[in-house]
Amino acid sequence: AYEQLEKCLTSYRRFYGDESLPVAGTLNNRGYLSAIQHKYADAVEDLSQSLRIHKKLLGEMDPRVFGSKLTLMQVSFLAGDSSLATNLARELVNFRDTELEKNLLLDEESRLRLQRDIYAFDILAEILPQNELADIVFRWKGAVFDSLLEDRSFTAGLTSKSAVIKLNELVKLRKQLSIASFTSKNSNQTTALETKISKLQRQLLQMRSKNETARDAIARSSRGAIVETLKGGGVFVDVIHYLKINRDELTASKQCYEVLLTMEGGATQAVRIEDSEALDQSIQLMRFAAAQGENGKLEQAQAELSERLWQPIEKLLPEQTSRIFLSAEGSVNFVPFAALSNSDGSFVAQKYPIVYVGSGRDLARKPSLEILKNLVVVADPLFNTAAKTSSAKEMVTMRSVEAGVFGSINLPPLPGTKTEAEQLEVIAAGAGWDIKTATGEEATESRVRNTKKPGVLHLATHGFYLNSFSPPAGDGTRGMSVVGLNKDQDKKQNENGVDPMRASGVALAGAQQTLKLWSQRKAPDPETDGVLTAEEVASLDLNG
């Protein structure tokens, strides 16, 4: 291979000149080959030349320049040149920051694809100083999903005639797409509708960009914005999942967790968990044991997670720590941190109140100064109640592959959540709170939709996320299962780009009947079908 590259390089230089794109590409390939053979000095020389030519011919912001920098950064890191690797990493981060501002103005499907494919932390977690990595995570983590939520609130407030016309057209197209997804076998029809929807979304976002600055605030957010929130002993704990580079093959292969702690005053500390697979197994064991009532295994898993996950974090906490703000990722989202043990044997909750957030930007938002003492509890839904029908205002888009999987979900009853609701009523009444409870047939989607600005909204039911493999019942899912779904099917879903805003949500009264109708390619009214997706939640007024 090396000899062939030499011949190509000689030919390209003769025909195109020394500083041409074919020469730059060949130098990049030869450098990569040298790096695999651990000839790092040769690799860095070739890759540096390739980068210089690419920058001269294409400019700093060309994707091919980004690719050259990325390869040179990886090789210089492996070669032990931390200074060069760090400088290149910073340049790449600046490139991604600039791209992020542009990408947040794309249509939703494009943004979701970019979030999945581009904004990963991987080698940056190994190269950059802890404080810089924490800043990057603060800006990038969940930025796309925050922008999707912002879109809902923004479009709901548009009043100009042209905007209202576009919004009505968007509603109409989404309804058509939803019906087509269930009933049509013509993929061209679905593609055409999706293209029209994307065009309208971009037009609405352009209206926003002329009048609003909130979208820029997402891309340019800074950890400095949460300093005020952390006063009085607060610590922000941010968990990321990344792939560690394989020094032998130049591939990212080992999965790790990095836990970043931002202290009061802005100081940064970090904990790295090298073997994320072992940690994930302990998490799965805890979920399984809790669901099956196997106390021995539950205690084992709790001890393992306390030792591997929490206690390394605990060692870095300042003595004056009074509250933990936690943004989890991956399987760590399933860890009940309050039930883990401190090094002295006490439970975490006995020392530290824990507040869960989606990302650090949640802490930068100004909360309402008014304390609303009203609690809404929706629990123990009767899943087999027939979904009510009414004229649909908007049909939420659902691809056929999503509908097929939804139609095979089994939702067993959750009688324990009714007891949970009754206990909450007693606690709320004793604290002087106003409480409204809906259970059984009354635990409907309409009940949740009609809830405005609650102090606390408590949902005790099944939740689902179908963009990841769903193992059989008994693993911590409280009996919920996807019948007949295997890893090959799941892989196919990921390749088809299942929208997480439509592939996740909660089940309410009548949900089982709706799932049955979906499997038959029939679409009940989405406002009363008992399945409340993340896309629908995003449009609700729950800011209490």
Protein backbone atom coordinates (compact mmCIF):
# COMPACT_ATOMS: atom_id res chain seq x y z
CA ALA A 1 0.00 0.00 0.00
CA TYR A 2 2.84 2.36 0.87
CA GLU A 3 4.53 1.72 -2.50
CA GLN A 4 1.28 2.42 -4.37
CA LEU A 5 0.84 5.69 -2.51
CA GLU A 6 4.40 6.67 -3.46
CA LYS A 7 3.58 6.07 -7.14
CA CYS A 8 0.34 8.06 -6.86
CA LEU A 9 2.17 10.92 -5.16
CA THR A 10 4.81 11.06 -7.92
CA SER A 11 2.14 11.04 -10.63
CA TYR A 12 -0.02 13.67 -8.95
CA ARG A 13 2.93 16.00 -8.44
CA ARG A 14 3.86 15.67 -12.12
CA PHE A 15 0.36 16.32 -13.45
CA TYR A 16 -1.20 18.64 -10.82
CA GLY A 17 1.76 20.28 -9.11
CA ASP A 18 3.22 19.98 -5.61
CA GLU A 19 0.46 21.97 -3.94
CA SER A 20 -2.73 20.42 -5.28
CA LEU A 21 -5.70 18.65 -3.70
CA PRO A 22 -4.76 15.19 -5.09
CA VAL A 23 -1.28 15.57 -3.57
CA ALA A 24 -2.76 16.73 -0.24
CA GLY A 25 -5.14 13.76 -0.13
CA THR A 26 -2.37 11.28 -0.92
CA LEU A 27 -0.08 12.78 1.75
CA ASN A 28 -2.93 12.45 4.24
CA ASN A 29 -3.41 8.77 3.35
CA ARG A 30 0.33 8.06 3.51
CA GLY A 31 0.56 9.76 6.87
CA TYR A 32 -2.32 7.71 8.22
CA LEU A 33 -0.64 4.51 6.99
CA SER A 34 2.62 5.52 8.68
CA ALA A 35 0.77 6.15 11.93
CA ILE A 36 -0.75 2.66 11.86
CA GLN A 37 2.80 1.33 11.54
CA HIS A 38 3.79 3.55 14.52
CA LYS A 39 6.11 5.66 12.33
CA TYR A 40 4.83 8.78 14.02
CA ALA A 41 7.56 11.19 12.88
CA ASP A 42 6.91 10.35 9.22
CA ALA A 43 3.17 10.49 9.81
CA VAL A 44 3.26 13.94 11.42
CA GLU A 45 5.43 15.29 8.58
CA ASP A 46 3.07 14.03 5.84
CA LEU A 47 -0.09 15.08 7.67
CA SER A 48 1.30 18.54 8.39
CA GLN A 49 2.06 19.05 4.69
CA SER A 50 -1.40 17.79 3.77
CA LEU A 51 -3.03 20.23 6.21
CA ARG A 52 -0.98 23.17 4.94
CA ILE A 53 -2.02 22.50 1.32
CA HIS A 54 -5.67 21.98 2.22
CA LYS A 55 -5.77 25.26 4.19
CA LYS A 56 -4.07 27.19 1.38
CA LEU A 57 -6.44 25.92 -1.31
CA LEU A 58 -9.71 25.58 0.60
CA GLY A 59 -9.65 27.94 3.57
CA GLU A 60 -10.02 27.28 7.29
CA MET A 61 -13.73 26.38 7.30
CA ASP A 62 -13.74 23.68 4.63
CA PRO A 63 -14.72 20.20 5.93
CA ARG A 64 -11.64 18.68 4.29
CA VAL A 65 -9.43 21.00 6.33
CA PHE A 66 -11.31 19.83 9.42
CA GLY A 67 -10.62 16.20 8.43
CA SER A 68 -6.90 16.89 7.97
CA LYS A 69 -6.69 18.59 11.36
CA LEU A 70 -8.54 15.74 13.02
CA THR A 71 -6.16 13.11 11.66
CA LEU A 72 -3.08 15.17 12.56
CA MET A 73 -4.48 15.78 16.06
CA GLN A 74 -4.98 12.04 16.62
CA VAL A 75 -1.50 11.14 15.37
CA SER A 76 0.27 13.90 17.29
CA PHE A 77 -1.53 12.72 20.43
CA LEU A 78 -0.32 9.17 19.84
CA ALA A 79 3.19 10.47 19.10
CA GLY A 80 3.25 12.18 22.49
CA ASP A 81 3.24 15.74 21.11
CA SER A 82 0.64 17.04 23.54
CA SER A 83 1.25 20.69 22.61
CA LEU A 84 0.45 20.18 18.92
CA ALA A 85 -2.49 17.91 19.73
CA THR A 86 -3.96 20.46 22.16
CA ASN A 87 -3.62 23.37 19.74
CA LEU A 88 -5.28 21.38 16.96
CA ALA A 89 -8.05 20.27 19.34
CA ARG A 90 -8.80 23.91 20.16
CA GLU A 91 -8.95 24.78 16.47
CA LEU A 92 -11.35 21.90 15.86
CA VAL A 93 -13.54 23.01 18.75
CA ASN A 94 -13.72 26.54 17.30
CA PHE A 95 -14.74 25.04 13.97
CA ARG A 96 -17.47 22.97 15.63
CA ASP A 97 -18.72 25.96 17.63
CA THR A 98 -19.12 27.96 14.44
CA GLU A 99 -20.85 25.05 12.74
CA LEU A 100 -23.17 24.59 15.72
CA GLU A 101 -24.55 28.10 15.35
CA LYS A 102 -25.33 27.38 11.70
CA ASN A 103 -26.66 23.88 12.33
CA LEU A 104 -29.20 25.06 14.88
CA LEU A 105 -30.93 26.91 12.05
CA LEU A 106 -31.39 23.76 9.96
CA ASP A 107 -34.58 21.71 9.81
CA GLU A 108 -35.20 19.28 12.67
CA GLU A 109 -34.16 16.08 10.90
CA SER A 110 -30.82 17.60 9.85
CA ARG A 111 -30.14 18.83 13.37
CA LEU A 112 -30.84 15.44 14.90
CA ARG A 113 -28.52 13.75 12.42
CA LEU A 114 -25.74 16.22 13.19
CA GLN A 115 -26.17 15.77 16.94
CA ARG A 116 -25.73 12.03 16.51
CA ASP A 117 -22.87 12.10 14.01
CA ILE A 118 -20.80 15.17 14.88
CA TYR A 119 -21.04 16.46 18.42
CA ALA A 120 -19.20 13.60 20.13
CA PHE A 121 -16.44 14.24 22.66
CA ASP A 122 -14.26 11.15 22.11
CA ILE A 123 -10.58 12.09 21.75
CA LEU A 124 -11.20 15.64 23.02
CA ALA A 125 -11.81 14.11 26.44
CA GLU A 126 -8.25 12.77 26.42
CA ILE A 127 -6.47 15.80 25.02
CA LEU A 128 -8.01 18.98 26.41
CA PRO A 129 -7.61 20.31 29.97
CA GLN A 130 -10.53 19.55 32.28
CA ASN A 131 -11.87 23.10 32.38
CA GLU A 132 -11.91 23.40 28.58
CA LEU A 133 -13.61 20.03 28.18
CA ALA A 134 -16.25 21.06 30.73
CA ASP A 135 -16.90 24.26 28.75
CA ILE A 136 -17.34 22.28 25.52
CA VAL A 137 -19.71 19.79 27.13
CA PHE A 138 -21.70 22.70 28.55
CA ARG A 139 -22.16 24.16 25.04
CA TRP A 140 -22.64 20.98 23.02
CA LYS A 141 -24.46 18.51 25.23
CA GLY A 142 -28.16 18.49 24.42
CA ALA A 143 -27.88 21.67 22.31
CA VAL A 144 -29.91 20.21 19.45
CA PHE A 145 -32.69 18.98 21.72
CA ASP A 146 -32.82 22.35 23.47
CA SER A 147 -33.22 23.98 20.06
CA LEU A 148 -36.12 21.64 19.21
CA LEU A 149 -37.89 22.58 22.42
CA GLU A 150 -37.26 26.25 21.73
CA ASP A 151 -38.81 25.89 18.30
CA ARG A 152 -42.10 24.76 19.82
CA SER A 153 -42.36 27.74 22.15
CA PHE A 154 -41.24 30.16 19.43
CA THR A 155 -43.65 29.00 16.72
CA ALA A 156 -46.52 29.00 19.21
CA GLY A 157 -45.98 32.73 19.70
CA LEU A 158 -45.82 33.76 16.03
CA THR A 159 -48.64 36.13 15.10
CA SER A 160 -47.71 37.71 11.76
CA LYS A 161 -49.97 36.80 8.84
CA SER A 162 -47.20 35.14 6.83
CA ALA A 163 -46.05 33.12 9.86
CA VAL A 164 -49.58 31.94 10.67
CA ILE A 165 -50.04 30.80 7.06
CA LYS A 166 -46.80 28.80 7.24
CA LEU A 167 -47.73 27.32 10.62
CA ASN A 168 -51.12 26.21 9.34
CA GLU A 169 -49.46 24.65 6.30
CA LEU A 170 -46.96 22.89 8.59
CA VAL A 171 -49.82 21.45 10.68
CA LYS A 172 -51.57 20.29 7.51
CA LEU A 173 -48.44 18.61 6.13
CA ARG A 174 -47.67 16.86 9.44
CA LYS A 175 -51.21 15.49 9.50
CA GLN A 176 -50.82 14.18 5.94
CA LEU A 177 -47.45 12.66 6.77
CA SER A 178 -48.81 10.96 9.87
CA ILE A 179 -51.63 9.37 7.92
CA ALA A 180 -49.30 8.41 5.07
CA SER A 181 -46.88 6.81 7.52
CA PHE A 182 -49.61 4.47 8.73
CA THR A 183 -51.44 3.78 5.50
CA SER A 184 -49.26 4.51 2.46
CA LYS A 185 -46.90 2.04 0.80
CA ASN A 186 -45.56 4.79 -1.47
CA SER A 187 -42.23 5.93 -0.01
CA ASN A 188 -42.00 8.76 -2.58
CA GLN A 189 -45.13 10.33 -1.12
CA THR A 190 -43.64 10.27 2.38
CA THR A 191 -40.32 11.68 1.17
CA ALA A 192 -42.06 14.52 -0.66
CA LEU A 193 -44.02 15.47 2.46
CA GLU A 194 -40.90 15.37 4.62
CA THR A 195 -39.11 17.66 2.14
CA LYS A 196 -41.93 20.21 2.27
CA ILE A 197 -41.96 20.10 6.08
CA SER A 198 -38.20 20.67 6.25
CA LYS A 199 -38.51 23.67 3.91
CA LEU A 200 -41.24 25.24 6.07
CA GLN A 201 -39.22 24.65 9.24
CA ARG A 202 -36.24 26.45 7.74
CA GLN A 203 -38.44 29.38 6.69
CA LEU A 204 -39.89 29.70 10.19
CA LEU A 205 -36.40 29.56 11.70
CA GLN A 206 -35.29 32.37 9.40
CA MET A 207 -38.09 34.48 10.88
CA ARG A 208 -36.68 33.70 14.28
CA SER A 209 -33.11 34.57 13.36
CA LYS A 210 -34.18 38.08 12.35
CA ASN A 211 -35.94 38.82 15.63
CA GLU A 212 -34.58 36.49 18.29
CA THR A 213 -31.21 35.91 19.93
CA ALA A 214 -32.05 32.93 22.15
CA ARG A 215 -30.81 30.43 19.55
CA ASP A 216 -27.38 32.08 19.53
CA ALA A 217 -27.39 31.87 23.31
CA ILE A 218 -27.49 28.06 23.11
CA ALA A 219 -24.43 27.85 20.88
CA ARG A 220 -22.48 30.51 22.81
CA SER A 221 -23.48 29.48 26.33
CA SER A 222 -20.81 29.47 29.02
CA ARG A 223 -20.39 27.76 32.37
CA GLY A 224 -19.99 31.22 33.84
CA ALA A 225 -23.76 31.54 33.53
CA ILE A 226 -24.31 29.00 36.35
CA VAL A 227 -21.94 30.53 38.92
CA GLU A 228 -24.84 32.27 40.63
CA THR A 229 -26.79 29.00 40.86
CA LEU A 230 -23.87 27.22 42.54
CA LYS A 231 -23.46 29.80 45.29
CA GLY A 232 -23.90 28.38 48.77
CA GLY A 233 -22.17 25.04 48.13
CA GLY A 234 -23.67 23.79 44.87
CA VAL A 235 -21.71 21.41 42.61
CA PHE A 236 -22.62 20.65 39.02
CA VAL A 237 -21.83 17.05 37.99
CA ASP A 238 -21.80 16.45 34.22
CA VAL A 239 -21.45 12.89 32.87
CA ILE A 240 -20.38 12.16 29.29
CA HIS A 241 -19.88 8.89 27.44
CA TYR A 242 -17.10 8.67 24.87
CA LEU A 243 -14.94 6.27 22.89
CA LYS A 244 -11.28 6.13 23.83
CA ILE A 245 -8.81 5.94 20.96
CA ASN A 246 -7.06 2.62 20.29
CA ARG A 247 -3.35 3.42 20.06
CA ASP A 248 -2.63 0.38 17.87
CA GLU A 249 -5.29 0.88 15.20
CA LEU A 250 -6.10 4.59 15.34
CA THR A 251 -9.73 3.77 16.01
CA ALA A 252 -12.00 4.72 18.87
CA SER A 253 -12.93 1.44 20.47
CA LYS A 254 -12.93 1.50 24.28
CA GLN A 255 -16.01 2.99 25.90
CA CYS A 256 -15.47 5.22 28.91
CA TYR A 257 -17.32 7.67 31.12
CA GLU A 258 -15.93 11.06 32.10
CA VAL A 259 -17.48 12.84 35.09
CA LEU A 260 -16.85 16.60 35.17
CA LEU A 261 -17.45 18.56 38.36
CA THR A 262 -17.92 22.33 38.37
CA MET A 263 -17.54 23.73 41.87
CA GLU A 264 -18.77 26.95 43.39
CA GLY A 265 -16.52 29.64 41.92
CA GLY A 266 -16.01 27.71 38.65
CA ALA A 267 -13.13 25.35 39.54
CA THR A 268 -13.20 22.06 37.61
CA GLN A 269 -12.37 18.48 38.66
CA ALA A 270 -12.82 15.24 36.74
CA VAL A 271 -13.22 11.51 37.32
CA ARG A 272 -12.64 9.00 34.53
CA ILE A 273 -14.30 5.58 34.56
CA GLU A 274 -12.27 3.54 32.10
CA ASP A 275 -14.46 0.43 31.96
CA SER A 276 -17.93 1.73 31.19
CA GLU A 277 -19.09 -1.74 30.15
CA ALA A 278 -18.61 -3.10 33.68
CA LEU A 279 -20.42 -0.09 35.11
CA ASP A 280 -23.31 -0.56 32.69
CA GLN A 281 -23.58 -4.21 33.75
CA SER A 282 -23.88 -3.14 37.38
CA ILE A 283 -26.62 -0.69 36.38
CA GLN A 284 -28.50 -3.42 34.54
CA LEU A 285 -28.12 -5.73 37.53
CA MET A 286 -29.60 -3.08 39.83
CA ARG A 287 -32.59 -2.54 37.54
CA PHE A 288 -33.20 -6.28 37.20
CA ALA A 289 -32.89 -6.94 40.92
CA ALA A 290 -35.20 -4.05 41.80
CA ALA A 291 -37.85 -5.26 39.36
CA GLN A 292 -37.67 -8.86 40.59
CA GLY A 293 -37.40 -8.04 44.30
CA GLU A 294 -34.08 -9.87 44.63
CA ASN A 295 -32.62 -7.98 47.58
CA GLY A 296 -29.30 -9.80 47.58
CA LYS A 297 -28.49 -8.86 43.99
CA LEU A 298 -29.85 -5.36 44.59
CA GLU A 299 -27.46 -4.83 47.49
CA GLN A 300 -24.59 -6.20 45.40
CA ALA A 301 -25.32 -3.83 42.52
CA GLN A 302 -25.79 -0.90 44.88
CA ALA A 303 -22.41 -1.58 46.48
CA GLU A 304 -20.70 -1.89 43.08
CA LEU A 305 -22.18 1.36 41.77
CA SER A 306 -21.38 3.18 44.99
CA GLU A 307 -17.76 2.10 44.77
CA ARG A 308 -17.22 2.53 41.01
CA LEU A 309 -19.35 5.57 40.29
CA TRP A 310 -20.30 7.66 43.30
CA GLN A 311 -17.45 7.39 45.79
CA PRO A 312 -14.77 8.58 43.29
CA ILE A 313 -17.00 11.64 42.80
CA GLU A 314 -17.52 12.05 46.53
CA LYS A 315 -13.77 12.30 47.11
CA LEU A 316 -13.65 15.47 45.01
CA LEU A 317 -16.58 17.25 46.65
CA PRO A 318 -15.68 20.27 48.79
CA GLU A 319 -16.58 20.04 52.48
CA GLN A 320 -19.14 22.83 52.12
CA THR A 321 -21.08 20.99 49.37
CA SER A 322 -24.79 21.43 50.05
CA ARG A 323 -26.45 20.35 46.79
CA ILE A 324 -25.64 18.28 43.69
CA PHE A 325 -26.91 19.24 40.23
CA LEU A 326 -26.56 16.16 38.01
CA SER A 327 -26.66 15.79 34.23
CA ALA A 328 -26.31 12.09 33.38
CA GLU A 329 -25.74 10.31 30.08
CA GLY A 330 -26.20 6.81 28.70
CA SER A 331 -27.02 4.09 31.21
CA VAL A 332 -26.11 6.43 34.07
CA ASN A 333 -29.53 8.01 33.53
CA PHE A 334 -30.99 4.90 35.23
CA VAL A 335 -28.88 5.20 38.39
CA PRO A 336 -30.77 6.32 41.52
CA PHE A 337 -27.89 8.36 42.93
CA ALA A 338 -29.80 9.19 46.13
CA ALA A 339 -29.82 5.46 47.01
CA LEU A 340 -26.07 4.97 46.55
CA SER A 341 -23.74 4.92 49.53
CA ASN A 342 -21.16 7.43 50.67
CA SER A 343 -17.78 6.19 51.87
CA ASP A 344 -19.04 6.33 55.48
CA GLY A 345 -21.94 4.00 54.70
CA SER A 346 -24.69 6.64 54.71
CA PHE A 347 -26.96 7.15 51.72
CA VAL A 348 -26.12 9.97 49.32
CA ALA A 349 -29.55 11.54 49.93
CA GLN A 350 -28.77 11.82 53.65
CA LYS A 351 -25.94 14.26 52.88
CA TYR A 352 -26.66 15.82 49.52
CA PRO A 353 -29.96 16.83 47.89
CA ILE A 354 -29.78 15.90 44.19
CA VAL A 355 -31.35 17.91 41.37
CA TYR A 356 -31.42 16.25 37.92
CA VAL A 357 -31.01 18.43 34.81
CA GLY A 358 -30.82 17.68 31.10
CA SER A 359 -27.73 19.81 30.63
CA GLY A 360 -25.85 22.58 32.39
CA ARG A 361 -27.82 25.18 30.46
CA ASP A 362 -30.88 24.26 32.53
CA LEU A 363 -29.14 25.88 35.50
CA ALA A 364 -28.59 29.11 33.57
CA ARG A 365 -32.30 29.68 32.93
CA LYS A 366 -33.96 32.15 35.26
CA PRO A 367 -36.63 30.37 37.32
CA SER A 368 -39.98 31.86 38.14
CA LEU A 369 -39.85 33.86 41.37
CA GLU A 370 -43.37 32.69 42.22
CA ILE A 371 -43.49 29.42 44.18
CA LEU A 372 -46.52 27.45 43.00
CA LYS A 373 -47.76 25.01 45.63
CA ASN A 374 -49.90 22.89 43.34
CA LEU A 375 -49.16 19.24 42.65
CA VAL A 376 -50.70 17.27 39.77
CA VAL A 377 -50.41 13.47 40.00
CA VAL A 378 -51.24 11.15 37.11
CA ALA A 379 -50.79 7.48 38.06
CA ASP A 380 -51.92 3.89 37.44
CA PRO A 381 -53.49 4.51 34.00
CA LEU A 382 -55.97 1.98 32.65
CA PHE A 383 -54.04 1.17 29.50
CA ASN A 384 -56.76 -0.95 27.89
CA THR A 385 -59.40 1.78 27.89
CA ALA A 386 -60.48 2.52 24.33
CA ALA A 387 -58.86 5.71 23.04
CA LYS A 388 -61.38 8.50 22.54
CA THR A 389 -61.70 10.04 19.10
CA SER A 390 -62.23 13.65 18.12
CA SER A 391 -61.27 15.95 15.28
CA ALA A 392 -57.50 16.05 15.12
CA LYS A 393 -55.83 19.47 15.18
CA GLU A 394 -52.44 18.02 14.42
CA MET A 395 -51.29 14.51 13.67
CA VAL A 396 -47.83 13.87 15.06
CA THR A 397 -45.55 12.44 12.38
CA MET A 398 -44.69 8.75 12.70
CA ARG A 399 -42.59 6.76 10.25
CA SER A 400 -43.77 3.28 9.38
CA VAL A 401 -40.81 1.64 11.09
CA GLU A 402 -41.69 3.49 14.30
CA ALA A 403 -45.35 2.55 14.08
CA GLY A 404 -44.46 -1.09 13.54
CA VAL A 405 -42.42 -1.26 16.71
CA PHE A 406 -44.91 0.76 18.76
CA GLY A 407 -47.60 -1.67 17.74
CA SER A 408 -45.78 -4.55 19.45
CA ILE A 409 -45.37 -2.95 22.89
CA ASN A 410 -46.99 -4.69 25.84
CA LEU A 411 -48.15 -2.45 28.74
CA PRO A 412 -48.95 -4.36 31.94
CA PRO A 413 -50.83 -2.51 34.73
CA LEU A 414 -48.94 -0.69 37.51
CA PRO A 415 -51.14 -0.96 40.63
CA GLY A 416 -48.28 0.12 42.90
CA THR A 417 -48.37 3.60 41.41
CA LYS A 418 -51.89 4.11 42.78
CA THR A 419 -50.53 3.56 46.28
CA GLU A 420 -47.75 5.97 45.40
CA ALA A 421 -50.34 8.61 44.43
CA GLU A 422 -52.28 8.11 47.68
CA GLN A 423 -49.13 8.61 49.74
CA LEU A 424 -48.29 11.76 47.81
CA GLU A 425 -51.74 13.14 48.60
CA VAL A 426 -51.07 12.77 52.32
CA ILE A 427 -47.62 14.36 52.08
CA ALA A 428 -48.85 17.26 49.93
CA ALA A 429 -51.83 17.96 52.18
CA GLY A 430 -49.58 18.02 55.23
CA ALA A 431 -47.31 20.56 53.51
CA GLY A 432 -50.21 22.82 52.57
CA TRP A 433 -50.09 22.07 48.87
CA ASP A 434 -53.09 21.90 46.55
CA ILE A 435 -53.15 18.46 44.90
CA LYS A 436 -55.09 17.03 41.98
CA THR A 437 -54.89 13.29 41.30
CA ALA A 438 -55.95 11.30 38.24
CA THR A 439 -55.81 7.50 38.18
CA GLY A 440 -57.34 4.65 36.14
CA GLU A 441 -59.61 5.86 33.33
CA GLU A 442 -59.03 9.47 34.39
CA ALA A 443 -55.24 9.27 33.91
CA THR A 444 -55.64 10.51 30.35
CA GLU A 445 -53.50 12.37 27.88
CA SER A 446 -56.08 15.16 27.88
CA ARG A 447 -55.59 15.55 31.63
CA VAL A 448 -51.88 16.14 31.12
CA ARG A 449 -52.40 18.41 28.10
CA ASN A 450 -54.80 20.60 30.08
CA THR A 451 -52.35 21.02 32.96
CA LYS A 452 -50.91 24.55 32.88
CA LYS A 453 -47.84 25.76 34.79
CA PRO A 454 -47.90 23.16 37.61
CA GLY A 455 -45.62 23.53 40.62
CA VAL A 456 -44.95 19.79 40.26
CA LEU A 457 -46.27 17.36 37.64
CA HIS A 458 -45.83 13.76 38.84
CA LEU A 459 -46.32 11.01 36.23
CA ALA A 460 -46.23 7.41 37.49
CA THR A 461 -46.56 5.17 34.45
CA HIS A 462 -44.60 3.40 31.71
CA GLY A 463 -42.10 5.40 29.72
CA PHE A 464 -40.43 4.23 26.53
CA TYR A 465 -37.54 5.03 24.24
CA LEU A 466 -37.41 2.87 21.13
CA ASN A 467 -34.20 4.06 19.49
CA SER A 468 -32.20 1.57 21.54
CA PHE A 469 -32.50 -2.21 21.94
CA SER A 470 -35.32 -3.21 24.27
CA PRO A 471 -34.53 -6.45 26.12
CA PRO A 472 -37.28 -8.81 27.26
CA ALA A 473 -39.42 -8.11 30.31
CA GLY A 474 -37.92 -8.73 33.72
CA ASP A 475 -34.79 -6.63 33.29
CA GLY A 476 -36.05 -3.62 35.19
CA THR A 477 -38.83 -2.57 32.81
CA ARG A 478 -41.63 -3.39 35.29
CA GLY A 479 -43.02 -5.87 32.76
CA MET A 480 -43.05 -3.57 29.77
CA SER A 481 -41.67 -5.29 26.68
CA VAL A 482 -41.44 -5.03 22.93
CA VAL A 483 -42.60 -8.32 21.50
CA GLY A 484 -40.42 -9.75 18.75
CA LEU A 485 -37.92 -6.89 18.62
CA ASN A 486 -34.35 -8.07 18.14
CA LYS A 487 -31.00 -6.39 17.69
CA ASP A 488 -31.13 -6.61 13.89
CA GLN A 489 -34.46 -4.79 13.86
CA ASP A 490 -33.09 -2.17 16.21
CA LYS A 491 -30.04 -1.64 14.01
CA LYS A 492 -32.35 -1.12 11.05
CA GLN A 493 -34.29 1.51 12.99
CA ASN A 494 -31.12 3.42 13.80
CA GLU A 495 -30.01 3.32 10.17
CA ASN A 496 -33.37 4.72 9.11
CA GLY A 497 -32.95 7.61 11.52
CA VAL A 498 -35.81 7.21 14.01
CA ASP A 499 -36.65 10.62 15.43
CA PRO A 500 -36.13 10.45 19.22
CA MET A 501 -38.79 13.12 19.72
CA ARG A 502 -41.34 10.69 18.29
CA ALA A 503 -39.82 7.43 19.49
CA SER A 504 -40.03 8.31 23.18
CA GLY A 505 -42.74 9.28 25.61
CA VAL A 506 -45.11 8.01 28.29
CA ALA A 507 -48.18 5.76 28.21
CA LEU A 508 -51.50 6.96 29.64
CA ALA A 509 -55.10 5.68 29.69
CA GLY A 510 -56.04 3.97 26.44
CA ALA A 511 -52.45 3.56 25.26
CA GLN A 512 -52.66 -0.20 24.73
CA GLN A 513 -55.63 0.17 22.41
CA THR A 514 -53.81 2.86 20.46
CA LEU A 515 -50.76 0.64 20.04
CA LYS A 516 -53.01 -2.08 18.67
CA LEU A 517 -54.51 0.36 16.14
CA TRP A 518 -51.04 1.52 15.14
CA SER A 519 -50.00 -2.06 14.40
CA GLN A 520 -53.01 -2.16 12.04
CA ARG A 521 -51.86 1.11 10.39
CA LYS A 522 -54.81 3.05 11.82
CA ALA A 523 -54.29 6.47 13.39
CA PRO A 524 -56.53 7.64 16.26
CA ASP A 525 -56.59 11.30 17.28
CA PRO A 526 -53.09 11.99 18.69
CA GLU A 527 -54.47 14.45 21.24
CA THR A 528 -56.43 11.71 23.01
CA ASP A 529 -54.68 8.48 22.03
CA GLY A 530 -53.04 7.90 25.44
CA VAL A 531 -49.49 8.02 24.06
CA LEU A 532 -47.76 11.27 24.96
CA THR A 533 -44.57 11.56 22.90
CA ALA A 534 -41.63 13.85 23.63
CA GLU A 535 -42.63 15.92 20.60
CA GLU A 536 -46.06 16.51 22.12
CA VAL A 537 -44.63 17.26 25.57
CA ALA A 538 -42.42 19.95 24.03
CA SER A 539 -45.49 21.97 23.05
CA LEU A 540 -47.12 21.90 26.53
CA ASP A 541 -47.09 24.85 28.93
CA LEU A 542 -45.41 23.23 31.94
CA ASN A 543 -43.12 26.09 32.97
CA GLY A 544 -44.30 26.47 36.58
